């Protein structure tokens, strides 16, 4: 007695390849690294903008304050020997 040939018994199901697990791991690792890069770039841009705003505020404040000169120190006379 022979079995009827069907697509299920003629071609055995493919076994998962070890490379496919490696591909999944690779894709996961790349996604994690990409997320870290995105967060780092966003943080860097935010901190840069805050620094530039702070420098602009400091420059504005410095330009509004009058410059006070220190009085000159009296020169001491050299000791006579």
PDB file of N, CA and C in Angstrom:
ATOM      1  N   UNK A   1       0.816  -1.162   0.000  1.00  0.00           N
ATOM      2  CA  UNK A   1       0.000   0.000   0.000  1.00  0.00           C
ATOM      3  C   UNK A   1       0.875   1.245   0.000  1.00  0.00           C
ATOM      4  N   UNK A   2       0.627   2.111  -0.871  1.00  0.00           N
ATOM      5  CA  UNK A   2       1.406   3.347  -0.974  1.00  0.00           C
ATOM      6  C   UNK A   2       0.557   4.514  -0.509  1.00  0.00           C
ATOM      7  N   UNK A   3       1.248   5.416   0.063  1.00  0.00           N
ATOM      8  CA  UNK A   3       0.554   6.620   0.515  1.00  0.00           C
ATOM      9  C   UNK A   3       0.374   7.571  -0.670  1.00  0.00           C
ATOM     10  N   UNK A   4      -0.632   8.346  -0.575  1.00  0.00           N
ATOM     11  CA  UNK A   4      -0.842   9.360  -1.599  1.00  0.00           C
ATOM     12  C   UNK A   4       0.182  10.469  -1.392  1.00  0.00           C
ATOM     13  N   UNK A   5       0.698  10.948  -2.481  1.00  0.00           N
ATOM     14  CA  UNK A   5       1.715  11.989  -2.398  1.00  0.00           C
ATOM     15  C   UNK A   5       1.020  13.336  -2.242  1.00  0.00           C
ATOM     16  N   UNK A   6       1.413  14.022  -1.174  1.00  0.00           N
ATOM     17  CA  UNK A   6       0.908  15.386  -0.934  1.00  0.00           C
ATOM     18  C   UNK A   6       2.104  16.290  -0.664  1.00  0.00           C
ATOM     19  N   UNK A   7       1.839  17.561  -0.616  1.00  0.00           N
ATOM     20  CA  UNK A   7       2.947  18.486  -0.364  1.00  0.00           C
ATOM     21  C   UNK A   7       3.504  18.319   1.040  1.00  0.00           C
ATOM     22  N   UNK A   8       2.725  17.732   1.952  1.00  0.00           N
ATOM     23  CA  UNK A   8       3.181  17.558   3.325  1.00  0.00           C
ATOM     24  C   UNK A   8       4.116  16.362   3.481  1.00  0.00           C
ATOM     25  N   UNK A   9       3.926  15.314   2.717  1.00  0.00           N
ATOM     26  CA  UNK A   9       4.803  14.165   2.875  1.00  0.00           C
ATOM     27  C   UNK A   9       5.868  14.068   1.776  1.00  0.00           C
ATOM     28  N   UNK A  10       5.745  14.826   0.715  1.00  0.00           N
ATOM     29  CA  UNK A  10       6.748  14.805  -0.344  1.00  0.00           C
ATOM     30  C   UNK A  10       7.966  15.654   0.047  1.00  0.00           C
ATOM     31  N   UNK A  11       7.696  16.826   0.608  1.00  0.00           N
ATOM     32  CA  UNK A  11       8.771  17.723   1.044  1.00  0.00           C
ATOM     33  C   UNK A  11       8.693  17.864   2.560  1.00  0.00           C
ATOM     34  N   UNK A  12       9.666  17.327   3.253  1.00  0.00           N
ATOM     35  CA  UNK A  12       9.623  17.434   4.713  1.00  0.00           C
ATOM     36  C   UNK A  12       9.758  18.891   5.139  1.00  0.00           C
ATOM     37  N   UNK A  13       9.178  19.260   6.269  1.00  0.00           N
ATOM     38  CA  UNK A  13       9.274  20.651   6.715  1.00  0.00           C
ATOM     39  C   UNK A  13      10.736  21.025   6.997  1.00  0.00           C
ATOM     40  N   UNK A  14      11.062  22.253   6.680  1.00  0.00           N
ATOM     41  CA  UNK A  14      12.438  22.707   6.888  1.00  0.00           C
ATOM     42  C   UNK A  14      12.678  22.935   8.375  1.00  0.00           C
ATOM     43  N   UNK A  15      13.830  22.508   8.817  1.00  0.00           N
ATOM     44  CA  UNK A  15      14.199  22.723  10.205  1.00  0.00           C
ATOM     45  C   UNK A  15      14.727  24.144  10.342  1.00  0.00           C
ATOM     46  N   UNK A  16      14.481  24.732  11.492  1.00  0.00           N
ATOM     47  CA  UNK A  16      15.022  26.089  11.666  1.00  0.00           C
ATOM     48  C   UNK A  16      16.548  26.044  11.634  1.00  0.00           C
ATOM     49  N   UNK A  17      17.120  26.966  10.928  1.00  0.00           N
ATOM     50  CA  UNK A  17      18.563  27.003  10.782  1.00  0.00           C
ATOM     51  C   UNK A  17      19.181  27.716  11.980  1.00  0.00           C
ATOM     52  N   UNK A  18      20.389  27.340  12.281  1.00  0.00           N
ATOM     53  CA  UNK A  18      21.099  28.005  13.370  1.00  0.00           C
ATOM     54  C   UNK A  18      21.357  29.467  13.000  1.00  0.00           C
ATOM     55  N   UNK A  19      21.533  29.722  11.721  1.00  0.00           N
ATOM     56  CA  UNK A  19      21.766  31.085  11.272  1.00  0.00           C
ATOM     57  C   UNK A  19      20.545  31.962  11.537  1.00  0.00           C
ATOM     58  N   UNK A  20      19.368  31.388  11.483  1.00  0.00           N
ATOM     59  CA  UNK A  20      18.189  32.200  11.711  1.00  0.00           C
ATOM     60  C   UNK A  20      18.151  32.689  13.156  1.00  0.00           C
ATOM     61  N   UNK A  21      18.627  31.878  14.095  1.00  0.00           N
ATOM     62  CA  UNK A  21      18.710  32.328  15.488  1.00  0.00           C
ATOM     63  C   UNK A  21      19.751  33.436  15.608  1.00  0.00           C
ATOM     64  N   UNK A  22      20.844  33.264  14.910  1.00  0.00           N
ATOM     65  CA  UNK A  22      21.884  34.291  14.926  1.00  0.00           C
ATOM     66  C   UNK A  22      21.360  35.584  14.306  1.00  0.00           C
ATOM     67  N   UNK A  23      20.568  35.459  13.253  1.00  0.00           N
ATOM     68  CA  UNK A  23      19.986  36.638  12.620  1.00  0.00           C
ATOM     69  C   UNK A  23      19.049  37.363  13.580  1.00  0.00           C
ATOM     70  N   UNK A  24      18.268  36.606  14.325  1.00  0.00           N
ATOM     71  CA  UNK A  24      17.348  37.211  15.292  1.00  0.00           C
ATOM     72  C   UNK A  24      18.140  37.944  16.367  1.00  0.00           C
ATOM     73  N   UNK A  25      19.185  37.306  16.869  1.00  0.00           N
ATOM     74  CA  UNK A  25      20.021  37.930  17.890  1.00  0.00           C
ATOM     75  C   UNK A  25      20.699  39.178  17.338  1.00  0.00           C
ATOM     76  N   UNK A  26      21.203  39.076  16.119  1.00  0.00           N
ATOM     77  CA  UNK A  26      21.868  40.203  15.483  1.00  0.00           C
ATOM     78  C   UNK A  26      20.900  41.371  15.303  1.00  0.00           C
ATOM     79  N   UNK A  27      19.719  41.079  14.839  1.00  0.00           N
ATOM     80  CA  UNK A  27      18.720  42.136  14.635  1.00  0.00           C
ATOM     81  C   UNK A  27      18.333  42.783  15.964  1.00  0.00           C
ATOM     82  N   UNK A  28      18.207  41.975  17.008  1.00  0.00           N
ATOM     83  CA  UNK A  28      17.864  42.521  18.328  1.00  0.00           C
ATOM     84  C   UNK A  28      18.984  43.413  18.847  1.00  0.00           C
ATOM     85  N   UNK A  29      20.206  42.964  18.718  1.00  0.00           N
ATOM     86  CA  UNK A  29      21.345  43.753  19.188  1.00  0.00           C
ATOM     87  C   UNK A  29      21.448  45.064  18.419  1.00  0.00           C
ATOM     88  N   UNK A  30      21.251  45.003  17.112  1.00  0.00           N
ATOM     89  CA  UNK A  30      21.315  46.225  16.315  1.00  0.00           C
ATOM     90  C   UNK A  30      20.193  47.195  16.688  1.00  0.00           C
ATOM     91  N   UNK A  31      19.019  46.675  16.975  1.00  0.00           N
ATOM     92  CA  UNK A  31      17.902  47.536  17.379  1.00  0.00           C
ATOM     93  C   UNK A  31      18.206  48.221  18.709  1.00  0.00           C
ATOM     94  N   UNK A  32      18.793  47.479  19.637  1.00  0.00           N
ATOM     95  CA  UNK A  32      19.141  48.049  20.939  1.00  0.00           C
ATOM     96  C   UNK A  32      20.197  49.142  20.766  1.00  0.00           C
ATOM     97  N   UNK A  33      21.226  48.869  19.957  1.00  0.00           N
ATOM     98  CA  UNK A  33      22.277  49.859  19.745  1.00  0.00           C
ATOM     99  C   UNK A  33      21.735  51.098  19.035  1.00  0.00           C
ATOM    100  N   UNK A  34      20.845  50.899  18.088  1.00  0.00           N
ATOM    101  CA  UNK A  34      20.246  52.029  17.380  1.00  0.00           C
ATOM    102  C   UNK A  34      19.438  52.899  18.340  1.00  0.00           C
ATOM    103  N   UNK A  35      18.705  52.271  19.245  1.00  0.00           N
ATOM    104  CA  UNK A  35      17.931  53.014  20.239  1.00  0.00           C
ATOM    105  C   UNK A  35      18.860  53.806  21.158  1.00  0.00           C
ATOM    106  N   UNK A  36      19.980  53.208  21.554  1.00  0.00           N
ATOM    107  CA  UNK A  36      20.942  53.904  22.406  1.00  0.00           C
ATOM    108  C   UNK A  36      21.539  55.108  21.687  1.00  0.00           C
ATOM    109  N   UNK A  37      21.860  54.942  20.410  1.00  0.00           N
ATOM    110  CA  UNK A  37      22.427  56.047  19.630  1.00  0.00           C
ATOM    111  C   UNK A  37      21.405  57.179  19.517  1.00  0.00           C
ATOM    112  N   UNK A  38      20.164  56.834  19.285  1.00  0.00           N
ATOM    113  CA  UNK A  38      19.115  57.844  19.156  1.00  0.00           C
ATOM    114  C   UNK A  38      18.952  58.625  20.458  1.00  0.00           C
ATOM    115  N   UNK A  39      18.922  57.893  21.582  1.00  0.00           N
ATOM    116  CA  UNK A  39      18.793  58.561  22.886  1.00  0.00           C
ATOM    117  C   UNK A  39      20.004  59.437  23.179  1.00  0.00           C
ATOM    118  N   UNK A  40      21.199  58.936  22.867  1.00  0.00           N
ATOM    119  CA  UNK A  40      22.418  59.702  23.123  1.00  0.00           C
ATOM    120  C   UNK A  40      22.441  60.971  22.285  1.00  0.00           C
ATOM    121  N   UNK A  41      22.070  60.871  21.001  1.00  0.00           N
ATOM    122  CA  UNK A  41      22.052  62.048  20.133  1.00  0.00           C
ATOM    123  C   UNK A  41      21.032  63.081  20.615  1.00  0.00           C
ATOM    124  N   UNK A  42      19.880  62.616  21.067  1.00  0.00           N
ATOM    125  CA  UNK A  42      18.854  63.532  21.574  1.00  0.00           C
ATOM    126  C   UNK A  42      19.358  64.235  22.834  1.00  0.00           C
ATOM    127  N   UNK A  43      20.002  63.496  23.714  1.00  0.00           N
ATOM    128  CA  UNK A  43      20.530  64.080  24.953  1.00  0.00           C
ATOM    129  C   UNK A  43      21.628  65.086  24.633  1.00  0.00           C
ATOM    130  N   UNK A  44      22.509  64.753  23.691  1.00  0.00           N
ATOM    131  CA  UNK A  44      23.589  65.654  23.313  1.00  0.00           C
ATOM    132  C   UNK A  44      23.032  66.949  22.740  1.00  0.00           C
ATOM    133  N   UNK A  45      22.034  66.848  21.884  1.00  0.00           N
ATOM    134  CA  UNK A  45      21.425  68.039  21.288  1.00  0.00           C
ATOM    135  C   UNK A  45      20.755  68.897  22.358  1.00  0.00           C
ATOM    136  N   UNK A  46      20.077  68.253  23.293  1.00  0.00           N
ATOM    137  CA  UNK A  46      19.395  68.985  24.371  1.00  0.00           C
ATOM    138  C   UNK A  46      20.418  69.706  25.248  1.00  0.00           C
ATOM    139  N   UNK A  47      21.486  69.029  25.641  1.00  0.00           N
ATOM    140  CA  UNK A  47      22.506  69.640  26.485  1.00  0.00           C
ATOM    141  C   UNK A  47      23.253  70.755  25.753  1.00  0.00           C
ATOM    142  N   UNK A  48      23.506  70.563  24.454  1.00  0.00           N
ATOM    143  CA  UNK A  48      24.167  71.605  23.669  1.00  0.00           C
ATOM    144  C   UNK A  48      23.307  72.861  23.634  1.00  0.00           C
ATOM    145  N   UNK A  49      22.003  72.691  23.425  1.00  0.00           N
ATOM    146  CA  UNK A  49      21.108  73.844  23.370  1.00  0.00           C
ATOM    147  C   UNK A  49      21.057  74.552  24.719  1.00  0.00           C
ATOM    148  N   UNK A  50      21.009  73.783  25.808  1.00  0.00           N
ATOM    149  CA  UNK A  50      21.014  74.391  27.139  1.00  0.00           C
ATOM    150  C   UNK A  50      22.310  75.167  27.389  1.00  0.00           C
ATOM    151  N   UNK A  51      23.454  74.607  26.960  1.00  0.00           N
ATOM    152  CA  UNK A  51      24.728  75.281  27.135  1.00  0.00           C
ATOM    153  C   UNK A  51      24.768  76.579  26.341  1.00  0.00           C
ATOM    154  N   UNK A  52      24.293  76.548  25.096  1.00  0.00           N
ATOM    155  CA  UNK A  52      24.288  77.754  24.275  1.00  0.00           C
ATOM    156  C   UNK A  52      23.366  78.821  24.862  1.00  0.00           C
ATOM    157  N   UNK A  53      22.211  78.405  25.368  1.00  0.00           N
ATOM    158  CA  UNK A  53      21.295  79.348  26.014  1.00  0.00           C
ATOM    159  C   UNK A  53      21.937  79.965  27.253  1.00  0.00           C
ATOM    160  N   UNK A  54      22.629  79.152  28.036  1.00  0.00           N
ATOM    161  CA  UNK A  54      23.296  79.643  29.246  1.00  0.00           C
ATOM    162  C   UNK A  54      24.412  80.617  28.893  1.00  0.00           C
ATOM    163  N   UNK A  55      25.190  80.300  27.859  1.00  0.00           N
ATOM    164  CA  UNK A  55      26.259  81.205  27.438  1.00  0.00           C
ATOM    165  C   UNK A  55      25.690  82.532  26.940  1.00  0.00           C
ATOM    166  N   UNK A  56      24.581  82.487  26.206  1.00  0.00           N
ATOM    167  CA  UNK A  56      23.952  83.711  25.712  1.00  0.00           C
ATOM    168  C   UNK A  56      23.447  84.553  26.881  1.00  0.00           C
ATOM    169  N   UNK A  57      22.873  83.908  27.888  1.00  0.00           N
ATOM    170  CA  UNK A  57      22.389  84.637  29.061  1.00  0.00           C
ATOM    171  C   UNK A  57      23.556  85.246  29.830  1.00  0.00           C
ATOM    172  N   UNK A  58      24.655  84.514  29.968  1.00  0.00           N
ATOM    173  CA  UNK A  58      25.829  85.029  30.659  1.00  0.00           C
ATOM    174  C   UNK A  58      26.429  86.219  29.903  1.00  0.00           C
ATOM    175  N   UNK A  59      26.493  86.120  28.581  1.00  0.00           N
ATOM    176  CA  UNK A  59      27.024  87.215  27.774  1.00  0.00           C
ATOM    177  C   UNK A  59      26.143  88.453  27.896  1.00  0.00           C
ATOM    178  N   UNK A  60      24.843  88.277  27.896  1.00  0.00           N
ATOM    179  CA  UNK A  60      23.912  89.389  28.034  1.00  0.00           C
ATOM    180  C   UNK A  60      24.064  90.037  29.400  1.00  0.00           C
ATOM    181  N   UNK A  61      24.178  89.245  30.426  1.00  0.00           N
ATOM    182  CA  UNK A  61      24.339  89.745  31.784  1.00  0.00           C
ATOM    183  C   UNK A  61      25.665  90.487  31.926  1.00  0.00           C
ATOM    184  N   UNK A  62      26.717  89.944  31.338  1.00  0.00           N
ATOM    185  CA  UNK A  62      28.031  90.582  31.417  1.00  0.00           C
ATOM    186  C   UNK A  62      28.040  91.906  30.667  1.00  0.00           C
ATOM    187  N   UNK A  63      27.318  92.007  29.572  1.00  0.00           N
ATOM    188  CA  UNK A  63      27.303  93.248  28.807  1.00  0.00           C
ATOM    189  C   UNK A  63      26.484  94.331  29.512  1.00  0.00           C
ATOM    190  N   UNK A  64      25.592  93.951  30.391  1.00  0.00           N
ATOM    191  CA  UNK A  64      24.754  94.931  31.092  1.00  0.00           C
ATOM    192  C   UNK A  64      25.434  95.470  32.344  1.00  0.00           C
ATOM    193  N   UNK A  65      26.368  94.752  32.914  1.00  0.00           N
ATOM    194  CA  UNK A  65      27.034  95.195  34.127  1.00  0.00           C
ATOM    195  C   UNK A  65      28.192  96.118  33.766  1.00  0.00           C
ATOM    196  N   UNK A  66      28.340  97.227  34.491  1.00  0.00           N
ATOM    197  CA  UNK A  66      29.470  98.118  34.204  1.00  0.00           C
ATOM    198  C   UNK A  66      30.775  97.467  34.646  1.00  0.00           C
ATOM    199  N   UNK A  67      31.813  97.787  33.928  1.00  0.00           N
ATOM    200  CA  UNK A  67      33.130  97.234  34.245  1.00  0.00           C
ATOM    201  C   UNK A  67      33.754  98.118  35.319  1.00  0.00           C
ATOM    202  N   UNK A  68      34.126  97.536  36.427  1.00  0.00           N
ATOM    203  CA  UNK A  68      34.730  98.275  37.528  1.00  0.00           C
ATOM    204  C   UNK A  68      36.223  98.005  37.511  1.00  0.00           C
ATOM    205  N   UNK A  69      36.979  99.090  37.398  1.00  0.00           N
ATOM    206  CA  UNK A  69      38.430  98.948  37.377  1.00  0.00           C
ATOM    207  C   UNK A  69      38.935  98.904  38.811  1.00  0.00           C
ATOM    208  N   UNK A  70      39.925  98.090  39.039  1.00  0.00           N
ATOM    209  CA  UNK A  70      40.545  98.021  40.352  1.00  0.00           C
ATOM    210  C   UNK A  70      41.509  99.198  40.489  1.00  0.00           C
ATOM    211  N   UNK A  71      41.594  99.748  41.685  1.00  0.00           N
ATOM    212  CA  UNK A  71      42.556 100.832  41.861  1.00  0.00           C
ATOM    213  C   UNK A  71      43.986 100.318  41.720  1.00  0.00           C
ATOM    214  N   UNK A  72      44.828 101.150  41.174  1.00  0.00           N
ATOM    215  CA  UNK A  72      46.216 100.749  40.968  1.00  0.00           C
ATOM    216  C   UNK A  72      46.912 100.638  42.303  1.00  0.00           C
ATOM    217  N   UNK A  73      47.750  99.670  42.439  1.00  0.00           N
ATOM    218  CA  UNK A  73      48.521  99.507  43.678  1.00  0.00           C
ATOM    219  C   UNK A  73      49.662 100.498  43.696  1.00  0.00           C
ATOM    220  N   UNK A  74      49.939 100.980  44.858  1.00  0.00           N
ATOM    221  CA  UNK A  74      51.063 101.905  44.995  1.00  0.00           C
ATOM    222  C   UNK A  74      52.352 101.120  44.838  1.00  0.00           C
ATOM    223  N   UNK A  75      53.248 101.679  44.051  1.00  0.00           N
ATOM    224  CA  UNK A  75      54.519 101.001  43.848  1.00  0.00           C
ATOM    225  C   UNK A  75      55.382 101.209  45.071  1.00  0.00           C
ATOM    226  N   UNK A  76      56.030 100.183  45.477  1.00  0.00           N
ATOM    227  CA  UNK A  76      56.932 100.326  46.625  1.00  0.00           C
ATOM    228  C   UNK A  76      58.301 100.765  46.117  1.00  0.00           C
ATOM    229  N   UNK A  77      58.962 101.546  46.927  1.00  0.00           N
ATOM    230  CA  UNK A  77      60.274 102.048  46.534  1.00  0.00           C
ATOM    231  C   UNK A  77      61.288 100.931  46.793  1.00  0.00           C
ATOM    232  N   UNK A  78      62.238 100.794  45.903  1.00  0.00           N
ATOM    233  CA  UNK A  78      63.250  99.771  46.142  1.00  0.00           C
ATOM    234  C   UNK A  78      64.077 100.118  47.385  1.00  0.00           C
ATOM    235  N   UNK A  79      64.422  99.118  48.108  1.00  0.00           N
ATOM    236  CA  UNK A  79      65.191  99.338  49.332  1.00  0.00           C
ATOM    237  C   UNK A  79      66.601  99.779  48.974  1.00  0.00           C
ATOM    238  N   UNK A  80      67.057 100.813  49.656  1.00  0.00           N
ATOM    239  CA  UNK A  80      68.411 101.315  49.399  1.00  0.00           C
ATOM    240  C   UNK A  80      69.408 100.451  50.169  1.00  0.00           C
ATOM    241  N   UNK A  81      70.460 100.064  49.527  1.00  0.00           N
ATOM    242  CA  UNK A  81      71.446  99.273  50.231  1.00  0.00           C
ATOM    243  C   UNK A  81      72.631 100.074  50.626  1.00  0.00           C
TER     244      UNK A  81
END
